[in-house]
Amino acid sequence: MAYDEGLAHILRDDLTEVAGIEEKKMFGGLCFMLNGNILCGVHKGGGMFRVGKDNEVAALAINGVSPLAFTGKKMGGMLDVDEDLMADDGHRAQVLGLAMNFVGNLPAK
């Protein structure tokens, strides 16, 4: 699966001031890691965010967010977002904020 470089650029801009971010090609897309933990990423047609199970309900209430199920099985705490959400600065910031809240509290790897 290829990823959209334009969407990757959007997330790079969002994360430019965040310490501990690195990029890693994974799952046929591009993941952004925070202190060694998956934070978010891009794939063909959208993105993914790791918000954790406690933040899942809040994130799923945002238009354009759905459970992540690349293999057909839902991955708890991981969410898929469509291209429209990725292009919407406000909605993307909401989901990214939930992901930063969750992943920022995980121990560094």
N, C-alpha and C. Protein backbone atom coordinates (compact mmCIF):
# COMPACT_ATOMS: atom_id res chain seq x y z
N MET A 1 0.85 -1.17 0.00
CA MET A 1 0.00 0.00 0.00
C MET A 1 0.90 1.24 0.00
N ALA A 2 0.68 2.10 -0.93
CA ALA A 2 1.42 3.35 -0.99
C ALA A 2 0.74 4.39 -0.11
N TYR A 3 1.47 5.45 0.20
CA TYR A 3 0.85 6.52 0.98
C TYR A 3 0.90 7.81 0.19
N ASP A 4 0.07 8.74 0.57
CA ASP A 4 -0.03 10.04 -0.08
C ASP A 4 0.99 10.99 0.53
N GLU A 5 1.96 11.40 -0.25
CA GLU A 5 3.02 12.28 0.24
C GLU A 5 2.47 13.63 0.68
N GLY A 6 1.39 14.08 0.05
CA GLY A 6 0.76 15.34 0.46
C GLY A 6 0.21 15.25 1.88
N LEU A 7 -0.41 14.11 2.22
CA LEU A 7 -0.91 13.90 3.57
C LEU A 7 0.25 13.79 4.56
N ALA A 8 1.33 13.15 4.14
CA ALA A 8 2.52 13.06 5.00
C ALA A 8 3.07 14.44 5.31
N HIS A 9 3.06 15.31 4.31
CA HIS A 9 3.54 16.69 4.51
C HIS A 9 2.68 17.44 5.53
N ILE A 10 1.37 17.21 5.47
CA ILE A 10 0.46 17.85 6.42
C ILE A 10 0.83 17.46 7.85
N LEU A 11 1.04 16.15 8.09
CA LEU A 11 1.39 15.70 9.43
C LEU A 11 2.78 16.18 9.83
N ARG A 12 3.72 16.21 8.88
CA ARG A 12 5.06 16.75 9.20
C ARG A 12 4.94 18.18 9.72
N ASP A 13 4.11 18.98 9.04
CA ASP A 13 3.92 20.36 9.48
C ASP A 13 3.30 20.42 10.87
N ASP A 14 2.32 19.55 11.14
CA ASP A 14 1.68 19.53 12.45
C ASP A 14 2.66 19.15 13.56
N LEU A 15 3.62 18.30 13.24
CA LEU A 15 4.51 17.73 14.25
C LEU A 15 5.90 18.37 14.29
N THR A 16 6.13 19.39 13.49
CA THR A 16 7.46 19.97 13.37
C THR A 16 8.04 20.49 14.69
N GLU A 17 7.20 20.95 15.58
CA GLU A 17 7.66 21.51 16.85
C GLU A 17 7.68 20.49 17.99
N VAL A 18 7.26 19.25 17.71
CA VAL A 18 7.16 18.23 18.76
C VAL A 18 8.48 17.47 18.87
N ALA A 19 9.08 17.49 20.05
CA ALA A 19 10.32 16.76 20.29
C ALA A 19 10.04 15.27 20.34
N GLY A 20 10.98 14.47 19.87
CA GLY A 20 10.87 13.02 19.96
C GLY A 20 10.14 12.37 18.81
N ILE A 21 9.88 13.12 17.72
CA ILE A 21 9.18 12.57 16.55
C ILE A 21 10.19 12.03 15.55
N GLU A 22 9.91 10.84 15.04
CA GLU A 22 10.67 10.30 13.92
C GLU A 22 9.72 9.58 12.98
N GLU A 23 10.11 9.46 11.74
CA GLU A 23 9.29 8.81 10.72
C GLU A 23 9.80 7.41 10.47
N LYS A 24 8.86 6.49 10.21
CA LYS A 24 9.24 5.11 9.92
C LYS A 24 8.22 4.53 8.95
N LYS A 25 8.72 3.94 7.87
CA LYS A 25 7.82 3.28 6.92
C LYS A 25 7.37 1.97 7.53
N MET A 26 6.04 1.83 7.66
CA MET A 26 5.43 0.64 8.25
C MET A 26 4.08 0.39 7.61
N PHE A 27 3.66 -0.85 7.60
CA PHE A 27 2.31 -1.22 7.15
C PHE A 27 2.01 -0.71 5.74
N GLY A 28 3.02 -0.52 4.92
CA GLY A 28 2.80 -0.01 3.58
C GLY A 28 2.53 1.48 3.55
N GLY A 29 2.68 2.14 4.67
CA GLY A 29 2.48 3.58 4.76
C GLY A 29 3.64 4.22 5.49
N LEU A 30 3.39 5.36 6.08
CA LEU A 30 4.41 6.09 6.82
C LEU A 30 3.86 6.39 8.21
N CYS A 31 4.60 5.97 9.24
CA CYS A 31 4.19 6.22 10.62
C CYS A 31 5.07 7.30 11.23
N PHE A 32 4.46 8.07 12.10
CA PHE A 32 5.18 9.05 12.90
C PHE A 32 5.23 8.51 14.31
N MET A 33 6.43 8.37 14.82
CA MET A 33 6.66 7.79 16.14
C MET A 33 6.96 8.92 17.12
N LEU A 34 6.44 8.81 18.33
CA LEU A 34 6.75 9.75 19.40
C LEU A 34 7.48 8.95 20.48
N ASN A 35 8.74 9.26 20.68
CA ASN A 35 9.59 8.56 21.64
C ASN A 35 9.55 7.05 21.43
N GLY A 36 9.50 6.63 20.15
CA GLY A 36 9.53 5.22 19.79
C GLY A 36 8.19 4.53 19.73
N ASN A 37 7.11 5.23 20.05
CA ASN A 37 5.75 4.68 20.03
C ASN A 37 4.97 5.24 18.84
N ILE A 38 4.18 4.40 18.18
CA ILE A 38 3.36 4.87 17.06
C ILE A 38 2.39 5.94 17.55
N LEU A 39 2.39 7.08 16.88
CA LEU A 39 1.49 8.19 17.18
C LEU A 39 0.40 8.29 16.12
N CYS A 40 0.84 8.38 14.86
CA CYS A 40 -0.08 8.56 13.75
C CYS A 40 0.63 8.16 12.47
N GLY A 41 -0.07 8.23 11.37
CA GLY A 41 0.55 7.89 10.10
C GLY A 41 -0.37 8.19 8.94
N VAL A 42 0.15 7.91 7.75
CA VAL A 42 -0.62 8.12 6.54
C VAL A 42 -0.57 6.86 5.69
N HIS A 43 -1.62 6.67 4.93
CA HIS A 43 -1.71 5.57 3.98
C HIS A 43 -2.42 6.11 2.75
N LYS A 44 -2.60 5.29 1.77
CA LYS A 44 -3.31 5.72 0.57
C LYS A 44 -4.76 6.04 0.93
N GLY A 45 -5.16 7.26 0.76
CA GLY A 45 -6.55 7.65 1.00
C GLY A 45 -6.86 8.17 2.38
N GLY A 46 -5.87 8.35 3.23
CA GLY A 46 -6.16 8.89 4.55
C GLY A 46 -5.04 8.70 5.54
N GLY A 47 -5.41 8.62 6.79
CA GLY A 47 -4.41 8.50 7.84
C GLY A 47 -4.90 7.62 8.96
N MET A 48 -4.04 7.45 9.95
CA MET A 48 -4.36 6.66 11.13
C MET A 48 -3.81 7.36 12.36
N PHE A 49 -4.51 7.21 13.48
CA PHE A 49 -4.09 7.83 14.72
C PHE A 49 -4.25 6.83 15.86
N ARG A 50 -3.29 6.83 16.77
CA ARG A 50 -3.35 5.96 17.94
C ARG A 50 -3.83 6.79 19.13
N VAL A 51 -5.11 6.69 19.42
CA VAL A 51 -5.69 7.51 20.48
C VAL A 51 -5.87 6.76 21.79
N GLY A 52 -5.73 5.44 21.76
CA GLY A 52 -5.96 4.63 22.96
C GLY A 52 -7.43 4.35 23.14
N LYS A 53 -7.72 3.29 23.86
CA LYS A 53 -9.12 2.86 24.03
C LYS A 53 -9.95 3.87 24.81
N ASP A 54 -9.35 4.58 25.77
CA ASP A 54 -10.12 5.55 26.56
C ASP A 54 -10.56 6.76 25.74
N ASN A 55 -9.84 7.09 24.68
CA ASN A 55 -10.17 8.24 23.83
C ASN A 55 -10.95 7.87 22.58
N GLU A 56 -11.18 6.57 22.39
CA GLU A 56 -11.80 6.10 21.15
C GLU A 56 -13.19 6.67 20.92
N VAL A 57 -14.04 6.67 21.93
CA VAL A 57 -15.42 7.15 21.76
C VAL A 57 -15.42 8.62 21.35
N ALA A 58 -14.60 9.43 22.00
CA ALA A 58 -14.53 10.86 21.66
C ALA A 58 -14.07 11.05 20.22
N ALA A 59 -13.07 10.29 19.82
CA ALA A 59 -12.54 10.43 18.46
C ALA A 59 -13.55 9.95 17.41
N LEU A 60 -14.25 8.85 17.70
CA LEU A 60 -15.21 8.32 16.74
C LEU A 60 -16.41 9.25 16.53
N ALA A 61 -16.61 10.20 17.43
CA ALA A 61 -17.69 11.18 17.28
C ALA A 61 -17.34 12.25 16.25
N ILE A 62 -16.09 12.32 15.84
CA ILE A 62 -15.64 13.31 14.85
C ILE A 62 -15.91 12.75 13.46
N ASN A 63 -16.54 13.54 12.61
CA ASN A 63 -16.86 13.12 11.25
C ASN A 63 -15.59 12.77 10.48
N GLY A 64 -15.58 11.59 9.89
CA GLY A 64 -14.42 11.14 9.10
C GLY A 64 -13.53 10.15 9.82
N VAL A 65 -13.87 9.82 11.08
CA VAL A 65 -13.09 8.88 11.87
C VAL A 65 -13.83 7.55 11.94
N SER A 66 -13.09 6.46 11.76
CA SER A 66 -13.66 5.12 11.89
C SER A 66 -12.63 4.20 12.53
N PRO A 67 -13.08 3.05 13.03
CA PRO A 67 -12.11 2.11 13.61
C PRO A 67 -11.11 1.65 12.55
N LEU A 68 -9.88 1.43 12.95
CA LEU A 68 -8.85 0.94 12.04
C LEU A 68 -8.96 -0.58 11.97
N ALA A 69 -9.09 -1.10 10.76
CA ALA A 69 -9.23 -2.54 10.57
C ALA A 69 -8.59 -2.94 9.24
N PHE A 70 -7.29 -2.67 9.08
CA PHE A 70 -6.60 -3.00 7.83
C PHE A 70 -6.73 -4.47 7.47
N THR A 71 -6.66 -5.34 8.45
CA THR A 71 -6.68 -6.78 8.20
C THR A 71 -8.08 -7.37 8.31
N GLY A 72 -9.08 -6.52 8.53
CA GLY A 72 -10.43 -6.99 8.73
C GLY A 72 -10.80 -7.11 10.20
N LYS A 73 -9.81 -7.03 11.07
CA LYS A 73 -10.03 -7.10 12.51
C LYS A 73 -9.74 -5.72 13.12
N LYS A 74 -10.70 -5.22 13.90
CA LYS A 74 -10.56 -3.91 14.54
C LYS A 74 -9.37 -3.91 15.49
N MET A 75 -8.57 -2.84 15.41
CA MET A 75 -7.43 -2.66 16.30
C MET A 75 -7.82 -1.63 17.35
N GLY A 76 -8.06 -2.06 18.58
CA GLY A 76 -8.49 -1.18 19.65
C GLY A 76 -7.56 0.00 19.87
N GLY A 77 -8.14 1.17 19.97
CA GLY A 77 -7.37 2.37 20.22
C GLY A 77 -6.71 2.98 18.99
N MET A 78 -6.83 2.31 17.85
CA MET A 78 -6.27 2.80 16.59
C MET A 78 -7.43 3.20 15.68
N LEU A 79 -7.31 4.36 15.06
CA LEU A 79 -8.41 4.88 14.24
C LEU A 79 -7.95 5.24 12.85
N ASP A 80 -8.84 5.06 11.91
CA ASP A 80 -8.63 5.42 10.52
C ASP A 80 -9.34 6.75 10.27
N VAL A 81 -8.73 7.62 9.52
CA VAL A 81 -9.37 8.90 9.17
C VAL A 81 -9.32 9.07 7.66
N ASP A 82 -10.38 9.65 7.12
CA ASP A 82 -10.44 9.83 5.67
C ASP A 82 -9.69 11.09 5.23
N GLU A 83 -9.57 11.24 3.91
CA GLU A 83 -8.83 12.37 3.35
C GLU A 83 -9.46 13.71 3.71
N ASP A 84 -10.79 13.77 3.78
CA ASP A 84 -11.46 15.03 4.13
C ASP A 84 -11.07 15.48 5.53
N LEU A 85 -11.02 14.54 6.49
CA LEU A 85 -10.60 14.90 7.84
C LEU A 85 -9.15 15.35 7.83
N MET A 86 -8.30 14.65 7.09
CA MET A 86 -6.88 15.03 7.03
C MET A 86 -6.70 16.45 6.50
N ALA A 87 -7.60 16.89 5.62
CA ALA A 87 -7.51 18.22 5.05
C ALA A 87 -8.13 19.29 5.94
N ASP A 88 -8.88 18.88 6.96
CA ASP A 88 -9.55 19.82 7.86
C ASP A 88 -8.66 20.07 9.08
N ASP A 89 -8.06 21.25 9.14
CA ASP A 89 -7.11 21.56 10.22
C ASP A 89 -7.71 21.36 11.61
N GLY A 90 -8.94 21.79 11.80
CA GLY A 90 -9.57 21.71 13.11
C GLY A 90 -9.85 20.29 13.56
N HIS A 91 -10.45 19.49 12.67
CA HIS A 91 -10.76 18.10 13.02
C HIS A 91 -9.49 17.27 13.17
N ARG A 92 -8.53 17.51 12.28
CA ARG A 92 -7.25 16.78 12.39
C ARG A 92 -6.57 17.12 13.70
N ALA A 93 -6.62 18.37 14.11
CA ALA A 93 -6.00 18.79 15.38
C ALA A 93 -6.69 18.12 16.57
N GLN A 94 -8.01 17.93 16.49
CA GLN A 94 -8.73 17.25 17.56
C GLN A 94 -8.24 15.81 17.72
N VAL A 95 -8.16 15.09 16.61
CA VAL A 95 -7.74 13.69 16.66
C VAL A 95 -6.27 13.59 17.06
N LEU A 96 -5.44 14.47 16.52
CA LEU A 96 -4.02 14.47 16.87
C LEU A 96 -3.84 14.79 18.36
N GLY A 97 -4.64 15.70 18.89
CA GLY A 97 -4.58 16.02 20.31
C GLY A 97 -4.90 14.81 21.18
N LEU A 98 -5.90 14.03 20.79
CA LEU A 98 -6.23 12.80 21.52
C LEU A 98 -5.09 11.80 21.45
N ALA A 99 -4.48 11.69 20.26
CA ALA A 99 -3.34 10.78 20.09
C ALA A 99 -2.14 11.24 20.91
N MET A 100 -1.85 12.55 20.90
CA MET A 100 -0.72 13.08 21.68
C MET A 100 -0.95 12.84 23.17
N ASN A 101 -2.19 13.01 23.61
CA ASN A 101 -2.53 12.79 25.01
C ASN A 101 -2.25 11.35 25.41
N PHE A 102 -2.62 10.41 24.56
CA PHE A 102 -2.41 9.00 24.87
C PHE A 102 -0.94 8.60 24.74
N VAL A 103 -0.37 8.81 23.57
CA VAL A 103 0.98 8.33 23.31
C VAL A 103 2.02 9.10 24.13
N GLY A 104 1.75 10.38 24.39
CA GLY A 104 2.68 11.17 25.19
C GLY A 104 2.84 10.67 26.61
N ASN A 105 1.89 9.87 27.09
CA ASN A 105 1.98 9.31 28.43
C ASN A 105 2.55 7.90 28.48
N LEU A 106 2.91 7.35 27.31
CA LEU A 106 3.50 6.02 27.28
C LEU A 106 5.00 6.11 27.57
N PRO A 107 5.58 5.06 28.15
CA PRO A 107 7.04 5.08 28.36
C PRO A 107 7.77 5.05 27.02
N ALA A 108 8.88 5.75 26.92
CA ALA A 108 9.68 5.78 25.70
C ALA A 108 10.25 4.39 25.43
N LYS A 109 10.40 4.08 24.16
CA LYS A 109 11.00 2.80 23.77
C LYS A 109 12.43 3.04 23.34
